[in-house]
C-alpha atoms as a PDB file:
ATOM      1  CA  MET A   1     -45.536  -2.261 -10.130  1.00  0.00           C
ATOM      2  CA  THR A   2     -42.205  -0.504 -10.787  1.00  0.00           C
ATOM      3  CA  LYS A   3     -41.791   2.698 -12.743  1.00  0.00           C
ATOM      4  CA  MET A   4     -40.032   0.699 -15.465  1.00  0.00           C
ATOM      5  CA  MET A   5     -42.994  -1.665 -15.825  1.00  0.00           C
ATOM      6  CA  ARG A   6     -45.520   1.215 -15.830  1.00  0.00           C
ATOM      7  CA  ALA A   7     -43.450   3.127 -18.331  1.00  0.00           C
ATOM      8  CA  GLN A   8     -43.518   0.301 -20.851  1.00  0.00           C
ATOM      9  CA  ASN A   9     -46.980   1.481 -21.870  1.00  0.00           C
ATOM     10  CA  ASP A  10     -46.068   5.172 -22.143  1.00  0.00           C
ATOM     11  CA  ALA A  11     -45.013   6.901 -25.336  1.00  0.00           C
ATOM     12  CA  VAL A  12     -41.334   7.494 -25.963  1.00  0.00           C
ATOM     13  CA  GLU A  13     -39.627   9.743 -28.416  1.00  0.00           C
ATOM     14  CA  SER A  14     -36.536   7.825 -29.394  1.00  0.00           C
ATOM     15  CA  MET A  15     -33.899   8.460 -32.019  1.00  0.00           C
ATOM     16  CA  SER A  16     -35.826   6.341 -34.502  1.00  0.00           C
ATOM     17  CA  GLY A  17     -39.009   8.216 -33.610  1.00  0.00           C
ATOM     18  CA  GLY A  18     -42.512   7.349 -32.497  1.00  0.00           C
ATOM     19  CA  GLU A  19     -41.824   4.139 -30.581  1.00  0.00           C
ATOM     20  CA  THR A  20     -43.233   3.310 -27.192  1.00  0.00           C
ATOM     21  CA  LEU A  21     -40.974   2.068 -24.432  1.00  0.00           C
ATOM     22  CA  GLY A  22     -42.711  -1.276 -24.780  1.00  0.00           C
ATOM     23  CA  ASP A  23     -41.799  -1.304 -28.485  1.00  0.00           C
ATOM     24  CA  LEU A  24     -38.237  -0.383 -27.653  1.00  0.00           C
ATOM     25  CA  LEU A  25     -37.796  -3.014 -24.949  1.00  0.00           C
ATOM     26  CA  SER A  26     -39.846  -6.045 -25.803  1.00  0.00           C
ATOM     27  CA  SER A  27     -42.552  -5.852 -28.437  1.00  0.00           C
ATOM     28  CA  GLU A  28     -40.890  -8.568 -30.479  1.00  0.00           C
ATOM     29  CA  PRO A  29     -38.127 -10.441 -28.687  1.00  0.00           C
ATOM     30  CA  GLU A  30     -36.990 -12.127 -31.916  1.00  0.00           C
ATOM     31  CA  PRO A  31     -35.442  -9.008 -33.542  1.00  0.00           C
ATOM     32  CA  ALA A  32     -33.645  -8.061 -30.317  1.00  0.00           C
ATOM     33  CA  ALA A  33     -32.442 -11.661 -29.897  1.00  0.00           C
ATOM     34  CA  GLY A  34     -31.365 -11.736 -33.549  1.00  0.00           C
ATOM     35  CA  ASN A  35     -29.500  -8.447 -33.136  1.00  0.00           C
ATOM     36  CA  ARG A  36     -27.762  -9.805 -30.028  1.00  0.00           C
ATOM     37  CA  LYS A  37     -26.756 -12.943 -31.938  1.00  0.00           C
ATOM     38  CA  THR A  38     -25.406 -10.854 -34.852  1.00  0.00           C
ATOM     39  CA  VAL A  39     -23.301  -8.695 -32.542  1.00  0.00           C
ATOM     40  CA  LYS A  40     -21.934 -11.726 -30.667  1.00  0.00           C
ATOM     41  CA  ALA A  41     -21.011 -13.286 -34.037  1.00  0.00           C
ATOM     42  CA  PHE A  42     -19.232 -10.052 -34.963  1.00  0.00           C
ATOM     43  CA  TYR A  43     -16.971 -10.249 -31.885  1.00  0.00           C
ATOM     44  CA  GLY A  44     -16.311 -13.922 -32.605  1.00  0.00           C
ATOM     45  CA  ALA A  45     -15.280 -13.014 -36.160  1.00  0.00           C
ATOM     46  CA  LEU A  46     -13.008 -10.256 -34.812  1.00  0.00           C
ATOM     47  CA  ALA A  47     -11.328 -12.753 -32.483  1.00  0.00           C
ATOM     48  CA  ARG A  48     -10.739 -15.135 -35.428  1.00  0.00           C
ATOM     49  CA  SER A  49      -9.579 -12.275 -37.699  1.00  0.00           C
ATOM     50  CA  ASP A  50     -12.349 -13.291 -40.137  1.00  0.00           C
ATOM     51  CA  ALA A  51     -12.652 -10.140 -42.261  1.00  0.00           C
ATOM     52  CA  ALA A  52     -15.274 -11.690 -44.569  1.00  0.00           C
ATOM     53  CA  ALA A  53     -17.610 -12.482 -41.664  1.00  0.00           C
ATOM     54  CA  VAL A  54     -17.113  -8.998 -40.198  1.00  0.00           C
ATOM     55  CA  SER A  55     -17.906  -7.313 -43.530  1.00  0.00           C
ATOM     56  CA  ARG A  56     -21.150  -9.307 -43.870  1.00  0.00           C
ATOM     57  CA  VAL A  57     -22.640  -7.727 -40.717  1.00  0.00           C
ATOM     58  CA  VAL A  58     -21.101  -4.216 -40.684  1.00  0.00           C
ATOM     59  CA  ALA A  59     -22.501  -1.580 -43.058  1.00  0.00           C
ATOM     60  CA  ALA A  60     -19.980  -0.109 -45.484  1.00  0.00           C
ATOM     61  CA  ASP A  61     -21.148   3.359 -44.410  1.00  0.00           C
ATOM     62  CA  LEU A  62     -21.053   2.634 -40.664  1.00  0.00           C
ATOM     63  CA  GLU A  63     -21.777   5.770 -38.638  1.00  0.00           C
ATOM     64  CA  TRP A  64     -19.155   5.935 -35.888  1.00  0.00           C
ATOM     65  CA  TRP A  65     -18.868   8.059 -32.771  1.00  0.00           C
ATOM     66  CA  PHE A  66     -15.943   7.641 -30.342  1.00  0.00           C
ATOM     67  CA  HIS A  67     -15.467   8.931 -26.804  1.00  0.00           C
ATOM     68  CA  GLY A  68     -12.144   8.237 -25.120  1.00  0.00           C
ATOM     69  CA  PRO A  69      -8.407   8.692 -25.503  1.00  0.00           C
ATOM     70  CA  PRO A  70      -7.411   8.918 -29.199  1.00  0.00           C
ATOM     71  CA  HIS A  71      -4.791   6.171 -28.835  1.00  0.00           C
ATOM     72  CA  CYS A  72      -7.610   3.764 -27.858  1.00  0.00           C
ATOM     73  CA  GLN A  73      -9.357   3.729 -31.250  1.00  0.00           C
ATOM     74  CA  HIS A  74      -8.405   0.062 -31.670  1.00  0.00           C
ATOM     75  CA  LEU A  75     -11.670  -1.041 -33.298  1.00  0.00           C
ATOM     76  CA  MET A  76     -11.559   1.733 -35.901  1.00  0.00           C
ATOM     77  CA  ARG A  77      -7.997   0.782 -36.857  1.00  0.00           C
ATOM     78  CA  LEU A  78      -9.045  -2.866 -37.253  1.00  0.00           C
ATOM     79  CA  LEU A  79     -12.191  -2.207 -39.290  1.00  0.00           C
ATOM     80  CA  THR A  80     -10.598   0.356 -41.587  1.00  0.00           C
ATOM     81  CA  GLY A  81      -7.547  -1.839 -42.199  1.00  0.00           C
ATOM     82  CA  GLU A  82      -5.192   0.754 -40.721  1.00  0.00           C
ATOM     83  CA  SER A  83      -3.906  -1.993 -38.423  1.00  0.00           C
ATOM     84  CA  ARG A  84      -3.527  -5.573 -39.644  1.00  0.00           C
ATOM     85  CA  ARG A  85      -2.448  -6.993 -36.302  1.00  0.00           C
ATOM     86  CA  VAL A  86      -4.695  -7.290 -33.301  1.00  0.00           C
ATOM     87  CA  GLU A  87      -3.346  -4.810 -30.768  1.00  0.00           C
ATOM     88  CA  PHE A  88      -6.342  -5.044 -28.442  1.00  0.00           C
ATOM     89  CA  LYS A  89      -8.646  -8.005 -27.867  1.00  0.00           C
ATOM     90  CA  PHE A  90     -12.320  -7.112 -27.560  1.00  0.00           C
ATOM     91  CA  LYS A  91     -13.667  -9.813 -25.281  1.00  0.00           C
ATOM     92  CA  PRO A  92     -17.286  -8.980 -24.383  1.00  0.00           C
ATOM     93  CA  ARG A  93     -18.228  -9.464 -20.718  1.00  0.00           C
ATOM     94  CA  SER A  94     -21.890  -8.591 -21.248  1.00  0.00           C
ATOM     95  CA  VAL A  95     -24.142  -8.237 -24.294  1.00  0.00           C
ATOM     96  CA  THR A  96     -27.565  -6.617 -23.813  1.00  0.00           C
ATOM     97  CA  ALA A  97     -30.162  -6.080 -26.561  1.00  0.00           C
ATOM     98  CA  ILE A  98     -32.677  -3.233 -26.245  1.00  0.00           C
ATOM     99  CA  GLY A  99     -34.828  -3.011 -29.354  1.00  0.00           C
ATOM    100  CA  ASP A 100     -32.644  -2.195 -32.351  1.00  0.00           C
ATOM    101  CA  ARG A 101     -29.626  -1.473 -30.131  1.00  0.00           C
ATOM    102  CA  VAL A 102     -27.118  -3.861 -28.614  1.00  0.00           C
ATOM    103  CA  ILE A 103     -24.865  -2.750 -25.768  1.00  0.00           C
ATOM    104  CA  VAL A 104     -21.597  -4.621 -25.320  1.00  0.00           C
ATOM    105  CA  GLU A 105     -19.122  -4.027 -22.529  1.00  0.00           C
ATOM    106  CA  GLY A 106     -15.759  -5.434 -21.607  1.00  0.00           C
ATOM    107  CA  TRP A 107     -12.632  -4.703 -19.666  1.00  0.00           C
ATOM    108  CA  GLN A 108      -9.105  -5.957 -19.367  1.00  0.00           C
ATOM    109  CA  GLY A 109      -8.346  -5.913 -15.664  1.00  0.00           C
ATOM    110  CA  SER A 110      -7.618  -2.383 -14.555  1.00  0.00           C
ATOM    111  CA  LYS A 111      -5.982  -1.471 -17.895  1.00  0.00           C
ATOM    112  CA  ALA A 112      -8.986  -0.721 -20.051  1.00  0.00           C
ATOM    113  CA  TYR A 113     -12.778  -0.501 -19.936  1.00  0.00           C
ATOM    114  CA  TRP A 114     -14.916  -0.205 -23.055  1.00  0.00           C
ATOM    115  CA  ALA A 115     -18.585  -0.114 -24.050  1.00  0.00           C
ATOM    116  CA  HIS A 116     -20.056  -0.296 -27.550  1.00  0.00           C
ATOM    117  CA  VAL A 117     -23.628   0.646 -28.435  1.00  0.00           C
ATOM    118  CA  TRP A 118     -24.531  -0.791 -31.834  1.00  0.00           C
ATOM    119  CA  THR A 119     -27.673   0.113 -33.783  1.00  0.00           C
ATOM    120  CA  LEU A 120     -28.819  -2.558 -36.222  1.00  0.00           C
ATOM    121  CA  LYS A 121     -31.282  -2.440 -39.073  1.00  0.00           C
ATOM    122  CA  GLU A 122     -32.321  -5.614 -40.874  1.00  0.00           C
ATOM    123  CA  GLY A 123     -29.470  -7.530 -39.231  1.00  0.00           C
ATOM    124  CA  ILE A 124     -26.755  -5.073 -40.311  1.00  0.00           C
ATOM    125  CA  MET A 125     -24.696  -3.035 -37.840  1.00  0.00           C
ATOM    126  CA  ARG A 126     -25.277   0.533 -39.060  1.00  0.00           C
ATOM    127  CA  GLN A 127     -24.172   2.748 -36.170  1.00  0.00           C
ATOM    128  CA  LEU A 128     -21.582   2.477 -33.402  1.00  0.00           C
ATOM    129  CA  ARG A 129     -21.190   4.595 -30.303  1.00  0.00           C
ATOM    130  CA  GLU A 130     -17.860   3.567 -28.791  1.00  0.00           C
ATOM    131  CA  TYR A 131     -16.825   4.536 -25.270  1.00  0.00           C
ATOM    132  CA  PHE A 132     -13.316   3.772 -24.054  1.00  0.00           C
ATOM    133  CA  ASP A 133     -12.289   4.356 -20.433  1.00  0.00           C
ATOM    134  CA  THR A 134     -15.665   6.054 -19.943  1.00  0.00           C
ATOM    135  CA  TRP A 135     -18.632   4.926 -17.802  1.00  0.00           C
ATOM    136  CA  LEU A 136     -21.885   4.836 -19.750  1.00  0.00           C
ATOM    137  CA  THR A 137     -25.515   5.187 -18.734  1.00  0.00           C
ATOM    138  CA  VAL A 138     -28.248   4.627 -21.358  1.00  0.00           C
ATOM    139  CA  ILE A 139     -31.534   6.422 -20.678  1.00  0.00           C
ATOM    140  CA  VAL A 140     -34.877   7.004 -22.314  1.00  0.00           C
ATOM    141  CA  ARG A 141     -37.250   9.929 -21.811  1.00  0.00           C
ATOM    142  CA  VAL A 142     -40.826   8.793 -21.235  1.00  0.00           C
ATOM    143  CA  SER A 143     -43.725  11.209 -21.701  1.00  0.00           C
ATOM    144  CA  GLU A 144     -46.383  11.169 -19.041  1.00  0.00           C
ATOM    145  CA  GLU A 145     -50.081  11.614 -19.780  1.00  0.00           C
ATOM    146  CA  GLY A 146     -50.686  14.538 -22.090  1.00  0.00           C
ATOM    147  CA  GLY A 147     -47.125  14.534 -23.407  1.00  0.00           C
ATOM    148  CA  GLY A 148     -45.355  17.810 -23.980  1.00  0.00           C
ATOM    149  CA  ASP A 149     -42.090  18.970 -22.509  1.00  0.00           C
ATOM    150  CA  GLU A 150     -43.428  19.457 -18.993  1.00  0.00           C
ATOM    151  CA  GLY A 151     -44.447  15.951 -17.975  1.00  0.00           C
ATOM    152  CA  TYR A 152     -41.793  13.363 -18.574  1.00  0.00           C
ATOM    153  CA  GLU A 153     -39.655  10.917 -16.673  1.00  0.00           C
ATOM    154  CA  ILE A 154     -36.104   9.737 -17.331  1.00  0.00           C
ATOM    155  CA  ILE A 155     -35.640   5.967 -17.059  1.00  0.00           C
ATOM    156  CA  ARG A 156     -32.250   4.276 -16.890  1.00  0.00           C
ATOM    157  CA  LEU A 157     -32.194   1.292 -19.258  1.00  0.00           C
ATOM    158  CA  TRP A 158     -28.569   0.247 -18.813  1.00  0.00           C
ATOM    159  CA  GLN A 159     -25.482   1.292 -16.900  1.00  0.00           C
ATOM    160  CA  SER A 160     -21.816   0.272 -17.006  1.00  0.00           C
ATOM    161  CA  GLU A 161     -20.864  -2.573 -14.702  1.00  0.00           C
ATOM    162  CA  PRO A 162     -19.906  -0.910 -11.395  1.00  0.00           C
ATOM    163  CA  LYS A 163     -17.445  -3.642 -10.362  1.00  0.00           C
ATOM    164  CA  GLU A 164     -14.481  -1.813 -11.836  1.00  0.00           C
ATOM    165  CA  ARG A 165     -15.557   1.589 -10.472  1.00  0.00           C
ATOM    166  CA  LEU A 166     -14.012   0.753  -7.112  1.00  0.00           C
ATOM    167  CA  ASN A 167     -10.490   0.926  -8.531  1.00  0.00           C
ATOM    168  CA  ARG A 168     -10.752   3.694 -11.124  1.00  0.00           C
ATOM    169  CA  SER A 169     -12.070   7.152 -11.699  1.00  0.00           C
ATOM    170  CA  LEU A 170     -13.473   7.592 -15.211  1.00  0.00           C
ATOM    171  CA  PRO A 171     -15.727  10.189 -16.806  1.00  0.00           C
ATOM    172  CA  ASP A 172     -19.458   9.414 -17.002  1.00  0.00           C
ATOM    173  CA  VAL A 173     -21.458   9.887 -20.197  1.00  0.00           C
ATOM    174  CA  VAL A 174     -25.237   9.637 -20.613  1.00  0.00           C
ATOM    175  CA  LEU A 175     -26.618   8.328 -23.916  1.00  0.00           C
ATOM    176  CA  PRO A 176     -30.312   9.103 -24.510  1.00  0.00           C
ATOM    177  CA  ILE A 177     -32.091   6.774 -26.914  1.00  0.00           C
END
């Protein structure tokens, strides 16, 4: 049995608090699958320039965090209406749901690499962590028996696709959930 499989039964302190790793990863596949479907529909609506469809799934008070070069805030300019024309096409290469979070990554050859970590609640995209030209690793801290700060293990849940790493040097960021 792998550490990941064993850890699914251990307690986890996540950003939403009090969940177990099992809860986070797979307690109910339907919400995670629904979240994945919502996020995929969002990118489809972006590609079609369907503002009404985008506004149905993105919270008006979306919490946004960006890491990357300032000139690469393409998604913010689209969603805020600062830019009416599509200057960058977000074409997802992978979409992974982990509990209430959906991780989306894409790249355009050697020009640009991006990763988005969306947090959804009741089918609405409420938080975005956007990484542009930055490698991302998503981890979770799992308490061992007895809990406390002394006995815990860090488990990697997701990592940027390494295919493009061969040709580029980008900063690495770790996102704990």
